[in-house]
Amino acid sequence: MAIVKITQVKSTIDRTEVQKRTVRALGFTKMHQTLEKEATPQIMGMIRQVSHLLKIENI
């Protein structure tokens, strides 16, 4: 599987509870944190839901 590098660039303040929980489930705990995740269909679906809060790079 491919690896995706994701960085949280916008805050979850004033976002819906579902979006807050999705960002938290991806593993983010603070702003400008960068994570590398395997590009499974489940992870890509979560990223797609909150893509406006993230910066996504393919590795």
Protein backbone atom coordinates (compact mmCIF):
# COMPACT_ATOMS: atom_id res chain seq x y z
CA MET A 1 0.00 0.00 0.00
CA ALA A 2 1.01 3.60 -0.54
CA ILE A 3 1.92 5.92 2.29
CA VAL A 4 0.19 9.29 2.72
CA LYS A 5 1.72 12.17 4.67
CA ILE A 6 -0.97 14.36 6.28
CA THR A 7 -0.59 17.60 8.23
CA GLN A 8 -3.31 19.39 10.16
CA VAL A 9 -3.28 23.01 8.95
CA LYS A 10 -6.64 24.28 10.25
CA SER A 11 -8.21 24.09 13.67
CA THR A 12 -11.24 22.00 14.61
CA ILE A 13 -12.72 24.88 16.61
CA ASP A 14 -16.20 25.73 15.26
CA ARG A 15 -16.37 22.42 13.36
CA THR A 16 -19.01 19.74 13.76
CA GLU A 17 -18.51 17.04 16.37
CA VAL A 18 -18.16 14.41 13.63
CA GLN A 19 -15.26 16.33 12.04
CA LYS A 20 -13.57 16.80 15.42
CA ARG A 21 -13.81 13.07 16.13
CA THR A 22 -12.53 12.17 12.67
CA VAL A 23 -9.43 14.36 13.06
CA ARG A 24 -8.83 12.87 16.51
CA ALA A 25 -9.31 9.31 15.16
CA LEU A 26 -6.67 9.98 12.52
CA GLY A 27 -4.25 10.56 15.41
CA PHE A 28 -3.91 14.34 15.51
CA THR A 29 -3.49 15.96 18.91
CA LYS A 30 -2.27 19.45 17.94
CA MET A 31 -2.02 21.88 15.05
CA HIS A 32 0.74 21.51 12.41
CA GLN A 33 1.36 17.92 13.47
CA THR A 34 2.40 15.63 10.61
CA LEU A 35 1.53 11.94 10.44
CA GLU A 36 2.27 9.20 7.93
CA LYS A 37 -0.55 6.74 7.36
CA GLU A 38 -1.01 3.77 5.07
CA ALA A 39 -3.49 4.64 2.29
CA THR A 40 -6.20 2.08 3.09
CA PRO A 41 -9.77 2.74 1.93
CA GLN A 42 -10.82 3.44 5.53
CA ILE A 43 -8.08 6.04 6.11
CA MET A 44 -8.66 7.68 2.71
CA GLY A 45 -12.38 8.01 3.52
CA MET A 46 -11.57 9.72 6.82
CA ILE A 47 -9.11 12.05 5.09
CA ARG A 48 -11.70 12.90 2.42
CA GLN A 49 -14.22 13.90 5.14
CA VAL A 50 -11.88 16.49 6.68
CA SER A 51 -9.66 17.31 3.69
CA HIS A 52 -10.39 21.04 4.13
CA LEU A 53 -8.51 20.89 7.47
CA LEU A 54 -5.53 18.90 6.21
CA LYS A 55 -2.61 19.13 3.81
CA ILE A 56 -2.14 15.81 2.01
CA GLU A 57 1.02 14.55 0.28
CA ASN A 58 1.61 11.18 -1.41
CA ILE A 59 4.90 9.50 -0.60
